[in-house]
Amino acid sequence: MNFVVRHIVPWIKVIVAQLLGLGCLFLAREFLTGNAIVSLLLVGVTASLAGRVLGLSVYWIPIQLLLPFALVYSNVIPAWLYLTGFVLCALVFWNSATGQVPLYLTNTKTWTAIQTLAKGAGAKSFIDLGSGSGGGVVFLARALPDLVVTGVETAPLVYLLSKLRVAVLAPANAAIRYRNIWQEDLGAYDLVYCFLSPVPMPEMYRKARKEMRPGTLFVSNSFSVPDHQPDRIIDVSDGRKTRLHVWKM
């Protein structure tokens, strides 16, 4: 059921949004004077707005805008070009589109703050939920040789690149696994870190509360949880003004 909700339902919403865009085009057909570009823009913009109303993330907007053009001009622009672009986007931004978890990259100053937090807490095991390009896994594994550092990622191309990066650059205490963050048992870690989005945070917090051991730390980059104040907030002195929300389980 979770797979259907996260990966199938968004595509159903895309189809519904595009149909609403076509409906808007039908209603406005007399005012468009046969201008194909304006007509396709109307469909794309309407579908994008409808998608947001239906709960799709902002990362669907480019797809919604370009889809009408791709369908109409498929005889002008080679189909393989659309397919290649779509596949690449899917391989990189799979979690952004379907799970409303964007590809956020944590900067070095933030990883330094997490390093200090892990060392101060005496953590022996760490996991990055949605480890992206694997930079944080490499950084922490190098900085803290006694810390077992794990990253999990499901965007296929990002996973392969991070897997290679860790294999080449990281010491033996680092690992990247192809695994859904919702299927990972958080009870195995002393410090759990995530940089998700406001949408999945309440559910992830409940998962952490259910699975993590007493005294372990759950850390969220930038995003808090409604009605659950963190035990500590770490302000990172970076250009992004990052704040780490820390809960002690």
C-alpha atoms as a PDB file:
ATOM      1  CA  MET A   1       0.000   0.000   0.000  1.00  0.00           C
ATOM      2  CA  ASN A   2       2.833   2.424   0.844  1.00  0.00           C
ATOM      3  CA  PHE A   3       4.373   1.817  -2.599  1.00  0.00           C
ATOM      4  CA  VAL A   4       1.070   2.649  -4.278  1.00  0.00           C
ATOM      5  CA  VAL A   5       0.611   5.814  -2.231  1.00  0.00           C
ATOM      6  CA  ARG A   6       4.148   7.062  -2.807  1.00  0.00           C
ATOM      7  CA  HIS A   7       4.797   6.051  -6.409  1.00  0.00           C
ATOM      8  CA  ILE A   8       1.503   5.378  -8.229  1.00  0.00           C
ATOM      9  CA  VAL A   9      -0.872   7.976  -6.785  1.00  0.00           C
ATOM     10  CA  PRO A  10       1.313  10.933  -7.895  1.00  0.00           C
ATOM     11  CA  TRP A  11       1.124   9.781 -11.522  1.00  0.00           C
ATOM     12  CA  ILE A  12      -2.649   9.466 -11.268  1.00  0.00           C
ATOM     13  CA  LYS A  13      -2.725  13.066 -10.029  1.00  0.00           C
ATOM     14  CA  VAL A  14      -0.588  14.119 -13.005  1.00  0.00           C
ATOM     15  CA  ILE A  15      -3.105  12.584 -15.409  1.00  0.00           C
ATOM     16  CA  VAL A  16      -6.032  14.239 -13.623  1.00  0.00           C
ATOM     17  CA  ALA A  17      -4.208  17.598 -13.684  1.00  0.00           C
ATOM     18  CA  GLN A  18      -3.512  17.296 -17.409  1.00  0.00           C
ATOM     19  CA  LEU A  19      -7.170  16.473 -18.067  1.00  0.00           C
ATOM     20  CA  LEU A  20      -8.149  19.580 -16.128  1.00  0.00           C
ATOM     21  CA  GLY A  21      -5.714  21.536 -18.284  1.00  0.00           C
ATOM     22  CA  LEU A  22      -7.388  20.193 -21.431  1.00  0.00           C
ATOM     23  CA  GLY A  23     -10.746  21.131 -19.958  1.00  0.00           C
ATOM     24  CA  CYS A  24      -9.534  24.680 -19.432  1.00  0.00           C
ATOM     25  CA  LEU A  25      -8.296  24.758 -23.035  1.00  0.00           C
ATOM     26  CA  PHE A  26     -11.705  23.611 -24.269  1.00  0.00           C
ATOM     27  CA  LEU A  27     -13.443  26.393 -22.329  1.00  0.00           C
ATOM     28  CA  ALA A  28     -11.022  29.035 -23.607  1.00  0.00           C
ATOM     29  CA  ARG A  29     -10.714  27.794 -27.195  1.00  0.00           C
ATOM     30  CA  GLU A  30     -12.622  30.742 -28.699  1.00  0.00           C
ATOM     31  CA  PHE A  31     -10.185  33.263 -27.202  1.00  0.00           C
ATOM     32  CA  LEU A  32      -6.927  31.645 -28.298  1.00  0.00           C
ATOM     33  CA  THR A  33      -7.246  32.293 -32.062  1.00  0.00           C
ATOM     34  CA  GLY A  34      -5.504  29.057 -32.966  1.00  0.00           C
ATOM     35  CA  ASN A  35      -2.181  29.934 -31.307  1.00  0.00           C
ATOM     36  CA  ALA A  36      -0.651  26.529 -30.566  1.00  0.00           C
ATOM     37  CA  ILE A  37       2.092  27.764 -28.215  1.00  0.00           C
ATOM     38  CA  VAL A  38      -0.324  29.754 -26.065  1.00  0.00           C
ATOM     39  CA  SER A  39      -2.749  26.833 -26.026  1.00  0.00           C
ATOM     40  CA  LEU A  40      -0.082  24.401 -24.843  1.00  0.00           C
ATOM     41  CA  LEU A  41       1.132  26.872 -22.233  1.00  0.00           C
ATOM     42  CA  LEU A  42      -2.429  27.202 -20.959  1.00  0.00           C
ATOM     43  CA  VAL A  43      -2.703  23.438 -20.586  1.00  0.00           C
ATOM     44  CA  GLY A  44       0.692  23.195 -18.865  1.00  0.00           C
ATOM     45  CA  VAL A  45       0.131  26.085 -16.470  1.00  0.00           C
ATOM     46  CA  THR A  46      -3.366  24.900 -15.570  1.00  0.00           C
ATOM     47  CA  ALA A  47      -2.084  21.357 -15.008  1.00  0.00           C
ATOM     48  CA  SER A  48       0.745  22.681 -12.832  1.00  0.00           C
ATOM     49  CA  LEU A  49      -1.655  24.676 -10.655  1.00  0.00           C
ATOM     50  CA  ALA A  50      -4.109  21.781 -10.479  1.00  0.00           C
ATOM     51  CA  GLY A  51      -1.272  19.461  -9.502  1.00  0.00           C
ATOM     52  CA  ARG A  52      -0.330  21.719  -6.604  1.00  0.00           C
ATOM     53  CA  VAL A  53      -3.954  21.796  -5.452  1.00  0.00           C
ATOM     54  CA  LEU A  54      -4.018  17.993  -5.659  1.00  0.00           C
ATOM     55  CA  GLY A  55      -0.957  17.817  -3.434  1.00  0.00           C
ATOM     56  CA  LEU A  56       1.866  17.283  -5.916  1.00  0.00           C
ATOM     57  CA  SER A  57       5.228  18.774  -4.972  1.00  0.00           C
ATOM     58  CA  VAL A  58       6.759  21.702  -6.852  1.00  0.00           C
ATOM     59  CA  TYR A  59       9.121  19.252  -8.555  1.00  0.00           C
ATOM     60  CA  TRP A  60       6.252  18.112 -10.784  1.00  0.00           C
ATOM     61  CA  ILE A  61       5.775  21.611 -12.251  1.00  0.00           C
ATOM     62  CA  PRO A  62       8.414  21.288 -15.031  1.00  0.00           C
ATOM     63  CA  ILE A  63       6.978  17.919 -16.043  1.00  0.00           C
ATOM     64  CA  GLN A  64       3.436  19.303 -16.128  1.00  0.00           C
ATOM     65  CA  LEU A  65       4.542  22.300 -18.199  1.00  0.00           C
ATOM     66  CA  LEU A  66       6.533  20.307 -20.746  1.00  0.00           C
ATOM     67  CA  LEU A  67       4.244  17.308 -21.129  1.00  0.00           C
ATOM     68  CA  PRO A  68       1.755  18.987 -23.550  1.00  0.00           C
ATOM     69  CA  PHE A  69       4.633  20.182 -25.763  1.00  0.00           C
ATOM     70  CA  ALA A  70       6.217  16.717 -25.709  1.00  0.00           C
ATOM     71  CA  LEU A  71       2.989  15.133 -26.900  1.00  0.00           C
ATOM     72  CA  VAL A  72       2.208  17.668 -29.635  1.00  0.00           C
ATOM     73  CA  TYR A  73       5.734  18.138 -31.000  1.00  0.00           C
ATOM     74  CA  SER A  74       6.858  14.525 -30.785  1.00  0.00           C
ATOM     75  CA  ASN A  75       7.143  14.463 -34.604  1.00  0.00           C
ATOM     76  CA  VAL A  76       9.530  17.440 -34.594  1.00  0.00           C
ATOM     77  CA  ILE A  77      11.752  16.615 -31.639  1.00  0.00           C
ATOM     78  CA  PRO A  78      12.970  12.983 -31.601  1.00  0.00           C
ATOM     79  CA  ALA A  79      11.072  10.817 -29.171  1.00  0.00           C
ATOM     80  CA  TRP A  80      14.319   9.396 -27.801  1.00  0.00           C
ATOM     81  CA  LEU A  81      15.317  12.874 -26.615  1.00  0.00           C
ATOM     82  CA  TYR A  82      12.177  13.196 -24.500  1.00  0.00           C
ATOM     83  CA  LEU A  83      12.642   9.649 -23.239  1.00  0.00           C
ATOM     84  CA  THR A  84      16.285  10.263 -22.340  1.00  0.00           C
ATOM     85  CA  GLY A  85      15.472  13.473 -20.500  1.00  0.00           C
ATOM     86  CA  PHE A  86      12.605  11.845 -18.633  1.00  0.00           C
ATOM     87  CA  VAL A  87      14.664   8.810 -17.636  1.00  0.00           C
ATOM     88  CA  LEU A  88      17.538  10.958 -16.376  1.00  0.00           C
ATOM     89  CA  CYS A  89      15.158  13.121 -14.347  1.00  0.00           C
ATOM     90  CA  ALA A  90      13.481  10.035 -12.928  1.00  0.00           C
ATOM     91  CA  LEU A  91      16.807   8.434 -11.979  1.00  0.00           C
ATOM     92  CA  VAL A  92      17.974  11.566 -10.159  1.00  0.00           C
ATOM     93  CA  PHE A  93      14.744  13.068  -8.777  1.00  0.00           C
ATOM     94  CA  TRP A  94      12.687   9.893  -8.175  1.00  0.00           C
ATOM     95  CA  ASN A  95      12.202  10.653  -4.476  1.00  0.00           C
ATOM     96  CA  SER A  96      11.427  14.318  -5.161  1.00  0.00           C
ATOM     97  CA  ALA A  97       8.536  13.546  -7.482  1.00  0.00           C
ATOM     98  CA  THR A  98       7.027  10.521  -5.806  1.00  0.00           C
ATOM     99  CA  GLY A  99       7.919  10.839  -2.123  1.00  0.00           C
ATOM    100  CA  GLN A 100       8.015  14.633  -1.824  1.00  0.00           C
ATOM    101  CA  VAL A 101      11.594  14.317  -0.592  1.00  0.00           C
ATOM    102  CA  PRO A 102      13.776  16.700  -2.643  1.00  0.00           C
ATOM    103  CA  LEU A 103      17.427  16.084  -3.363  1.00  0.00           C
ATOM    104  CA  TYR A 104      18.835  18.397  -0.684  1.00  0.00           C
ATOM    105  CA  LEU A 105      22.603  18.369  -0.246  1.00  0.00           C
ATOM    106  CA  THR A 106      24.038  19.025   3.206  1.00  0.00           C
ATOM    107  CA  ASN A 107      26.982  21.432   3.216  1.00  0.00           C
ATOM    108  CA  THR A 108      30.349  20.902   4.899  1.00  0.00           C
ATOM    109  CA  LYS A 109      29.682  23.276   7.816  1.00  0.00           C
ATOM    110  CA  THR A 110      26.562  21.298   8.693  1.00  0.00           C
ATOM    111  CA  TRP A 111      28.440  17.997   8.503  1.00  0.00           C
ATOM    112  CA  THR A 112      31.042  19.492  10.837  1.00  0.00           C
ATOM    113  CA  ALA A 113      28.273  20.327  13.316  1.00  0.00           C
ATOM    114  CA  ILE A 114      26.915  16.779  13.020  1.00  0.00           C
ATOM    115  CA  GLN A 115      30.424  15.418  13.548  1.00  0.00           C
ATOM    116  CA  THR A 116      30.695  17.410  16.783  1.00  0.00           C
ATOM    117  CA  LEU A 117      27.246  16.226  17.881  1.00  0.00           C
ATOM    118  CA  ALA A 118      28.050  12.567  17.174  1.00  0.00           C
ATOM    119  CA  LYS A 119      31.379  12.777  18.973  1.00  0.00           C
ATOM    120  CA  GLY A 120      29.865  14.515  21.984  1.00  0.00           C
ATOM    121  CA  ALA A 121      27.095  11.918  22.235  1.00  0.00           C
ATOM    122  CA  GLY A 122      29.562   9.041  21.988  1.00  0.00           C
ATOM    123  CA  ALA A 123      27.674   7.622  19.004  1.00  0.00           C
ATOM    124  CA  LYS A 124      29.000   4.382  17.528  1.00  0.00           C
ATOM    125  CA  SER A 125      26.579   4.085  14.620  1.00  0.00           C
ATOM    126  CA  PHE A 126      25.097   6.698  12.287  1.00  0.00           C
ATOM    127  CA  ILE A 127      22.675   6.682   9.363  1.00  0.00           C
ATOM    128  CA  ASP A 128      21.877   9.329   6.775  1.00  0.00           C
ATOM    129  CA  LEU A 129      18.320   8.798   5.549  1.00  0.00           C
ATOM    130  CA  GLY A 130      18.470   9.786   1.906  1.00  0.00           C
ATOM    131  CA  SER A 131      22.228  10.125   1.602  1.00  0.00           C
ATOM    132  CA  GLY A 132      22.204  11.657  -1.875  1.00  0.00           C
ATOM    133  CA  SER A 133      25.647  11.901  -3.432  1.00  0.00           C
ATOM    134  CA  GLY A 134      27.270  10.309  -0.377  1.00  0.00           C
ATOM    135  CA  GLY A 135      29.377  13.318   0.606  1.00  0.00           C
ATOM    136  CA  GLY A 136      28.257  13.243   4.220  1.00  0.00           C
ATOM    137  CA  VAL A 137      28.960   9.536   4.554  1.00  0.00           C
ATOM    138  CA  VAL A 138      32.509  10.052   3.272  1.00  0.00           C
ATOM    139  CA  PHE A 139      33.046  13.108   5.493  1.00  0.00           C
ATOM    140  CA  LEU A 140      31.911  11.475   8.738  1.00  0.00           C
ATOM    141  CA  ALA A 141      33.645   8.169   8.054  1.00  0.00           C
ATOM    142  CA  ARG A 142      36.931  10.012   7.570  1.00  0.00           C
ATOM    143  CA  ALA A 143      36.448  12.377  10.513  1.00  0.00           C
ATOM    144  CA  LEU A 144      35.307   9.697  12.989  1.00  0.00           C
ATOM    145  CA  PRO A 145      37.054   6.372  12.312  1.00  0.00           C
ATOM    146  CA  ASP A 146      35.270   4.674  15.238  1.00  0.00           C
ATOM    147  CA  LEU A 147      31.822   5.614  13.901  1.00  0.00           C
ATOM    148  CA  VAL A 148      30.061   3.144  11.621  1.00  0.00           C
ATOM    149  CA  VAL A 149      28.498   5.388   8.974  1.00  0.00           C
ATOM    150  CA  THR A 150      25.647   4.215   6.748  1.00  0.00           C
ATOM    151  CA  GLY A 151      23.774   5.981   3.986  1.00  0.00           C
ATOM    152  CA  VAL A 152      20.580   4.799   2.303  1.00  0.00           C
ATOM    153  CA  GLU A 153      19.356   6.078  -1.057  1.00  0.00           C
ATOM    154  CA  THR A 154      16.813   4.947  -3.689  1.00  0.00           C
ATOM    155  CA  ALA A 155      17.242   7.443  -6.545  1.00  0.00           C
ATOM    156  CA  PRO A 156      19.012   4.972  -8.879  1.00  0.00           C
ATOM    157  CA  LEU A 157      21.580   7.204 -10.578  1.00  0.00           C
ATOM    158  CA  VAL A 158      22.372   9.101  -7.378  1.00  0.00           C
ATOM    159  CA  TYR A 159      22.775   5.791  -5.542  1.00  0.00           C
ATOM    160  CA  LEU A 160      25.210   4.405  -8.118  1.00  0.00           C
ATOM    161  CA  LEU A 161      27.304   7.568  -8.081  1.00  0.00           C
ATOM    162  CA  SER A 162      27.396   7.674  -4.275  1.00  0.00           C
ATOM    163  CA  LYS A 163      28.221   3.971  -4.117  1.00  0.00           C
ATOM    164  CA  LEU A 164      31.218   4.563  -6.371  1.00  0.00           C
ATOM    165  CA  ARG A 165      32.227   7.652  -4.399  1.00  0.00           C
ATOM    166  CA  VAL A 166      32.206   5.790  -1.094  1.00  0.00           C
ATOM    167  CA  ALA A 167      34.058   2.810  -2.565  1.00  0.00           C
ATOM    168  CA  VAL A 168      36.854   5.049  -3.847  1.00  0.00           C
ATOM    169  CA  LEU A 169      37.098   7.775  -1.201  1.00  0.00           C
ATOM    170  CA  ALA A 170      35.751   6.437   2.097  1.00  0.00           C
ATOM    171  CA  PRO A 171      37.401   4.160   4.677  1.00  0.00           C
ATOM    172  CA  ALA A 172      36.021   0.784   5.702  1.00  0.00           C
ATOM    173  CA  ASN A 173      33.612   2.192   8.288  1.00  0.00           C
ATOM    174  CA  ALA A 174      31.372   3.687   5.547  1.00  0.00           C
ATOM    175  CA  ALA A 175      28.639   2.015   3.516  1.00  0.00           C
ATOM    176  CA  ILE A 176      25.884   2.994   1.070  1.00  0.00           C
ATOM    177  CA  ARG A 177      22.832   0.793   0.663  1.00  0.00           C
ATOM    178  CA  TYR A 178      19.985   0.865  -1.834  1.00  0.00           C
ATOM    179  CA  ARG A 179      17.107   0.932   0.609  1.00  0.00           C
ATOM    180  CA  ASN A 180      13.897   2.864   1.180  1.00  0.00           C
ATOM    181  CA  ILE A 181      14.119   5.115   4.239  1.00  0.00           C
ATOM    182  CA  TRP A 182      10.735   3.854   5.445  1.00  0.00           C
ATOM    183  CA  GLN A 183      11.934   0.247   5.458  1.00  0.00           C
ATOM    184  CA  GLU A 184      15.105   0.920   7.444  1.00  0.00           C
ATOM    185  CA  ASP A 185      15.102  -0.196  11.095  1.00  0.00           C
ATOM    186  CA  LEU A 186      16.180   2.916  13.004  1.00  0.00           C
ATOM    187  CA  GLY A 187      16.718   0.923  16.171  1.00  0.00           C
ATOM    188  CA  ALA A 188      20.151  -0.108  14.929  1.00  0.00           C
ATOM    189  CA  TYR A 189      21.616   3.412  15.133  1.00  0.00           C
ATOM    190  CA  ASP A 190      22.793   5.793  17.841  1.00  0.00           C
ATOM    191  CA  LEU A 191      22.287   8.866  15.638  1.00  0.00           C
ATOM    192  CA  VAL A 192      19.759   9.156  12.818  1.00  0.00           C
ATOM    193  CA  TYR A 193      19.996  12.118  10.436  1.00  0.00           C
ATOM    194  CA  CYS A 194      17.572  13.261   7.759  1.00  0.00           C
ATOM    195  CA  PHE A 195      17.146  16.244   5.431  1.00  0.00           C
ATOM    196  CA  LEU A 196      13.689  15.622   4.004  1.00  0.00           C
ATOM    197  CA  SER A 197      10.846  18.159   3.661  1.00  0.00           C
ATOM    198  CA  PRO A 198       7.924  19.293   5.834  1.00  0.00           C
ATOM    199  CA  VAL A 199       5.578  16.705   4.287  1.00  0.00           C
ATOM    200  CA  PRO A 200       7.111  13.420   5.544  1.00  0.00           C
ATOM    201  CA  MET A 201       8.538  14.751   8.821  1.00  0.00           C
ATOM    202  CA  PRO A 202       5.573  13.886  11.105  1.00  0.00           C
ATOM    203  CA  GLU A 203       5.569  10.297   9.856  1.00  0.00           C
ATOM    204  CA  MET A 204       9.352  10.000  10.119  1.00  0.00           C
ATOM    205  CA  TYR A 205       9.260  11.364  13.675  1.00  0.00           C
ATOM    206  CA  ARG A 206       6.668   8.741  14.640  1.00  0.00           C
ATOM    207  CA  LYS A 207       8.854   6.054  13.092  1.00  0.00           C
ATOM    208  CA  ALA A 208      11.868   7.302  15.048  1.00  0.00           C
ATOM    209  CA  ARG A 209       9.913   7.345  18.311  1.00  0.00           C
ATOM    210  CA  LYS A 210       8.701   3.825  17.697  1.00  0.00           C
ATOM    211  CA  GLU A 211      11.989   2.229  16.653  1.00  0.00           C
ATOM    212  CA  MET A 212      14.898   4.132  18.177  1.00  0.00           C
ATOM    213  CA  ARG A 213      16.416   3.149  21.519  1.00  0.00           C
ATOM    214  CA  PRO A 214      16.228   5.411  24.608  1.00  0.00           C
ATOM    215  CA  GLY A 215      19.051   7.945  24.694  1.00  0.00           C
ATOM    216  CA  THR A 216      19.744   7.886  20.958  1.00  0.00           C
ATOM    217  CA  LEU A 217      19.476  11.033  18.820  1.00  0.00           C
ATOM    218  CA  PHE A 218      17.168  11.881  15.926  1.00  0.00           C
ATOM    219  CA  VAL A 219      18.333  14.909  13.922  1.00  0.00           C
ATOM    220  CA  SER A 220      16.429  16.788  11.232  1.00  0.00           C
ATOM    221  CA  ASN A 221      18.073  19.403   9.042  1.00  0.00           C
ATOM    222  CA  SER A 222      15.871  22.538   8.812  1.00  0.00           C
ATOM    223  CA  PHE A 223      12.492  20.853   9.228  1.00  0.00           C
ATOM    224  CA  SER A 224      10.788  20.502  12.580  1.00  0.00           C
ATOM    225  CA  VAL A 225       7.748  18.457  13.583  1.00  0.00           C
ATOM    226  CA  PRO A 226       4.445  20.139  14.499  1.00  0.00           C
ATOM    227  CA  ASP A 227       3.569  19.814  18.198  1.00  0.00           C
ATOM    228  CA  HIS A 228       6.901  18.152  19.021  1.00  0.00           C
ATOM    229  CA  GLN A 229       9.529  20.651  20.128  1.00  0.00           C
ATOM    230  CA  PRO A 230      13.114  19.456  19.711  1.00  0.00           C
ATOM    231  CA  ASP A 231      15.240  18.980  22.809  1.00  0.00           C
ATOM    232  CA  ARG A 232      17.931  21.086  21.206  1.00  0.00           C
ATOM    233  CA  ILE A 233      18.427  23.332  18.178  1.00  0.00           C
ATOM    234  CA  ILE A 234      21.884  23.796  16.702  1.00  0.00           C
ATOM    235  CA  ASP A 235      22.404  26.929  14.621  1.00  0.00           C
ATOM    236  CA  VAL A 236      24.961  26.368  11.883  1.00  0.00           C
ATOM    237  CA  SER A 237      26.855  29.462  10.809  1.00  0.00           C
ATOM    238  CA  ASP A 238      26.445  28.963   7.064  1.00  0.00           C
ATOM    239  CA  GLY A 239      24.931  30.974   4.240  1.00  0.00           C
ATOM    240  CA  ARG A 240      21.764  28.900   4.370  1.00  0.00           C
ATOM    241  CA  LYS A 241      21.303  29.625   8.093  1.00  0.00           C
ATOM    242  CA  THR A 242      20.839  25.917   8.718  1.00  0.00           C
ATOM    243  CA  ARG A 243      19.224  24.786  11.942  1.00  0.00           C
ATOM    244  CA  LEU A 244      19.560  21.219  13.188  1.00  0.00           C
ATOM    245  CA  HIS A 245      16.569  20.012  15.204  1.00  0.00           C
ATOM    246  CA  VAL A 246      17.693  17.389  17.711  1.00  0.00           C
ATOM    247  CA  TRP A 247      15.400  15.028  19.622  1.00  0.00           C
ATOM    248  CA  LYS A 248      16.635  12.659  22.312  1.00  0.00           C
ATOM    249  CA  MET A 249      14.599   9.488  22.170  1.00  0.00           C
END
